C-alpha atoms as a PDB file:
ATOM      1  CA  MET A   1      -9.063 176.155  -0.686  1.00  0.00           C
ATOM      2  CA  PRO A   2      -8.088 172.452   0.220  1.00  0.00           C
ATOM      3  CA  TRP A   3      -4.948 172.125   2.362  1.00  0.00           C
ATOM      4  CA  HIS A   4      -2.609 170.284  -0.085  1.00  0.00           C
ATOM      5  CA  PHE A   5      -3.140 173.383  -2.468  1.00  0.00           C
ATOM      6  CA  TYR A   6      -0.894 175.135   0.063  1.00  0.00           C
ATOM      7  CA  LEU A   7       1.432 172.417   0.179  1.00  0.00           C
ATOM      8  CA  LEU A   8       1.482 172.032  -3.634  1.00  0.00           C
ATOM      9  CA  ASP A   9       2.142 176.302  -3.560  1.00  0.00           C
ATOM     10  CA  PHE A  10       5.091 175.802  -1.050  1.00  0.00           C
ATOM     11  CA  LEU A  11       6.445 173.081  -3.140  1.00  0.00           C
ATOM     12  CA  SER A  12       6.127 175.267  -6.404  1.00  0.00           C
ATOM     13  CA  GLY A  13       7.841 178.273  -5.016  1.00  0.00           C
ATOM     14  CA  THR A  14      10.647 175.742  -4.157  1.00  0.00           C
ATOM     15  CA  LEU A  15      11.253 174.720  -7.351  1.00  0.00           C
ATOM     16  CA  LEU A  16      10.893 177.912  -8.967  1.00  0.00           C
ATOM     17  CA  VAL A  17      13.882 179.342  -6.713  1.00  0.00           C
ATOM     18  CA  ASN A  18      15.998 176.050  -7.032  1.00  0.00           C
ATOM     19  CA  GLY A  19      15.775 176.064 -10.601  1.00  0.00           C
ATOM     20  CA  VAL A  20      17.526 179.568 -10.996  1.00  0.00           C
ATOM     21  CA  PRO A  21      20.969 178.890 -10.054  1.00  0.00           C
ATOM     22  CA  HIS A  22      21.328 175.665 -11.912  1.00  0.00           C
ATOM     23  CA  PHE A  23      19.990 176.739 -14.864  1.00  0.00           C
ATOM     24  CA  VAL A  24      21.637 180.608 -14.961  1.00  0.00           C
ATOM     25  CA  GLN A  25      25.413 178.471 -14.503  1.00  0.00           C
ATOM     26  CA  GLY A  26      24.542 176.077 -16.721  1.00  0.00           C
ATOM     27  CA  LEU A  27      23.634 178.656 -19.368  1.00  0.00           C
ATOM     28  CA  SER A  28      26.984 180.390 -18.358  1.00  0.00           C
ATOM     29  CA  GLY A  29      28.754 177.432 -19.383  1.00  0.00           C
ATOM     30  CA  VAL A  30      30.061 177.164 -15.564  1.00  0.00           C
ATOM     31  CA  PRO A  31      30.110 173.942 -13.549  1.00  0.00           C
ATOM     32  CA  PHE A  32      28.068 173.952 -10.318  1.00  0.00           C
ATOM     33  CA  PRO A  33      27.107 171.376  -8.009  1.00  0.00           C
ATOM     34  CA  SER A  34      23.796 169.223  -8.391  1.00  0.00           C
ATOM     35  CA  PRO A  35      22.213 165.723  -7.385  1.00  0.00           C
ATOM     36  CA  PHE A  36      23.846 164.209 -10.195  1.00  0.00           C
ATOM     37  CA  ALA A  37      27.434 164.963  -9.271  1.00  0.00           C
ATOM     38  CA  LYS A  38      29.986 162.883  -7.223  1.00  0.00           C
ATOM     39  CA  PRO A  39      29.764 163.147  -4.443  1.00  0.00           C
ATOM     40  CA  PRO A  40      25.646 164.246  -4.934  1.00  0.00           C
ATOM     41  CA  GLY A  41      25.731 167.746  -4.045  1.00  0.00           C
ATOM     42  CA  LYS A  42      29.042 168.676  -3.667  1.00  0.00           C
ATOM     43  CA  GLY A  43      31.028 167.936  -6.637  1.00  0.00           C
ATOM     44  CA  ASP A  44      30.472 169.706  -9.581  1.00  0.00           C
ATOM     45  CA  SER A  45      28.486 168.840 -12.397  1.00  0.00           C
ATOM     46  CA  SER A  46      28.582 169.920 -16.286  1.00  0.00           C
ATOM     47  CA  PRO A  47      26.665 173.045 -17.638  1.00  0.00           C
ATOM     48  CA  LEU A  48      24.468 171.010 -19.705  1.00  0.00           C
ATOM     49  CA  ILE A  49      23.426 168.865 -16.775  1.00  0.00           C
ATOM     50  CA  ASN A  50      22.428 172.007 -14.678  1.00  0.00           C
ATOM     51  CA  ALA A  51      20.743 173.444 -17.283  1.00  0.00           C
ATOM     52  CA  LEU A  52      18.920 170.775 -18.024  1.00  0.00           C
ATOM     53  CA  TRP A  53      18.049 170.193 -13.889  1.00  0.00           C
ATOM     54  CA  GLY A  54      17.292 173.591 -13.886  1.00  0.00           C
ATOM     55  CA  PHE A  55      14.853 173.882 -16.830  1.00  0.00           C
ATOM     56  CA  GLY A  56      13.127 170.808 -15.252  1.00  0.00           C
ATOM     57  CA  ASN A  57      13.066 172.457 -11.709  1.00  0.00           C
ATOM     58  CA  LEU A  58      11.644 175.502 -13.617  1.00  0.00           C
ATOM     59  CA  THR A  59       9.284 173.278 -15.654  1.00  0.00           C
ATOM     60  CA  ALA A  60       7.710 171.558 -12.461  1.00  0.00           C
ATOM     61  CA  GLY A  61       7.293 174.889 -10.562  1.00  0.00           C
ATOM     62  CA  ALA A  62       5.684 176.592 -13.669  1.00  0.00           C
ATOM     63  CA  LEU A  63       3.541 173.402 -13.785  1.00  0.00           C
ATOM     64  CA  LEU A  64       2.362 173.427 -10.161  1.00  0.00           C
ATOM     65  CA  LEU A  65       1.771 176.985 -10.211  1.00  0.00           C
ATOM     66  CA  HIS A  66      -0.521 176.598 -13.549  1.00  0.00           C
ATOM     67  CA  ARG A  67      -2.819 173.802 -11.826  1.00  0.00           C
ATOM     68  CA  PHE A  68      -2.746 175.117  -8.371  1.00  0.00           C
ATOM     69  CA  SER A  69      -2.390 178.890  -8.396  1.00  0.00           C
ATOM     70  CA  PRO A  70      -3.215 180.896  -5.704  1.00  0.00           C
ATOM     71  CA  VAL A  71      -6.835 181.721  -5.434  1.00  0.00           C
ATOM     72  CA  ASN A  72      -6.261 183.968  -2.315  1.00  0.00           C
ATOM     73  CA  PRO A  73      -3.525 185.990  -0.479  1.00  0.00           C
ATOM     74  CA  TRP A  74      -2.685 182.945   1.717  1.00  0.00           C
ATOM     75  CA  GLY A  75      -1.729 181.092  -1.291  1.00  0.00           C
ATOM     76  CA  TRP A  76       0.486 183.621  -2.465  1.00  0.00           C
ATOM     77  CA  MET A  77       2.221 183.912   0.852  1.00  0.00           C
ATOM     78  CA  THR A  78       2.705 180.153   1.033  1.00  0.00           C
ATOM     79  CA  GLU A  79       4.337 180.376  -2.367  1.00  0.00           C
ATOM     80  CA  GLY A  80       6.540 183.311  -1.286  1.00  0.00           C
ATOM     81  CA  VAL A  81       7.173 181.826   2.090  1.00  0.00           C
ATOM     82  CA  GLY A  82       8.454 178.711  -0.199  1.00  0.00           C
ATOM     83  CA  ALA A  83      10.724 180.722  -1.566  1.00  0.00           C
ATOM     84  CA  LEU A  84      12.013 182.141   0.625  1.00  0.00           C
ATOM     85  CA  ALA A  85      13.002 178.983   2.568  1.00  0.00           C
ATOM     86  CA  MET A  86      14.482 177.623  -0.364  1.00  0.00           C
ATOM     87  CA  SER A  87      16.497 180.648  -0.756  1.00  0.00           C
ATOM     88  CA  VAL A  88      17.728 180.995   2.555  1.00  0.00           C
ATOM     89  CA  GLN A  89      18.603 177.202   2.603  1.00  0.00           C
ATOM     90  CA  LEU A  90      20.235 177.651  -0.907  1.00  0.00           C
ATOM     91  CA  SER A  91      23.138 180.282   0.461  1.00  0.00           C
ATOM     92  CA  MET A  92      23.783 178.708   3.466  1.00  0.00           C
ATOM     93  CA  TYR A  93      24.469 175.213   1.458  1.00  0.00           C
ATOM     94  CA  PHE A  94      26.466 176.600  -1.476  1.00  0.00           C
ATOM     95  CA  GLY A  95      28.044 179.265   0.841  1.00  0.00           C
ATOM     96  CA  LYS A  96      29.641 175.844   2.857  1.00  0.00           C
ATOM     97  CA  VAL A  97      30.140 173.962  -0.663  1.00  0.00           C
ATOM     98  CA  ARG A  98      31.672 176.436  -2.573  1.00  0.00           C
ATOM     99  CA  THR A  99      34.102 178.049  -0.778  1.00  0.00           C
ATOM    100  CA  TRP A 100      36.666 180.053  -2.074  1.00  0.00           C
ATOM    101  CA  PRO A 101      39.530 179.123  -2.678  1.00  0.00           C
ATOM    102  CA  ARG A 102      38.612 175.697  -3.450  1.00  0.00           C
END
């Protein structure tokens, strides 16, 4: 498998994980930080923006996964490492941004 497939597997994992909180918060009707907020990534965006942003991330991640589907265990591990890396980064970032009380 070419090296760039591993990079795209990693990216697919990060996009899939990043799409989940935005999509869920958007569907729940809860404002949530997004890159389109003011200030970007710190202020809250509307639920509609988050639903669209989350859906876009999920779609892009799924398309990458479909097109560059891992064919060996190393590809799947790369996908998982990307998902884990984004999970850790998001939990630390949103833990700081969304401290309670606001």
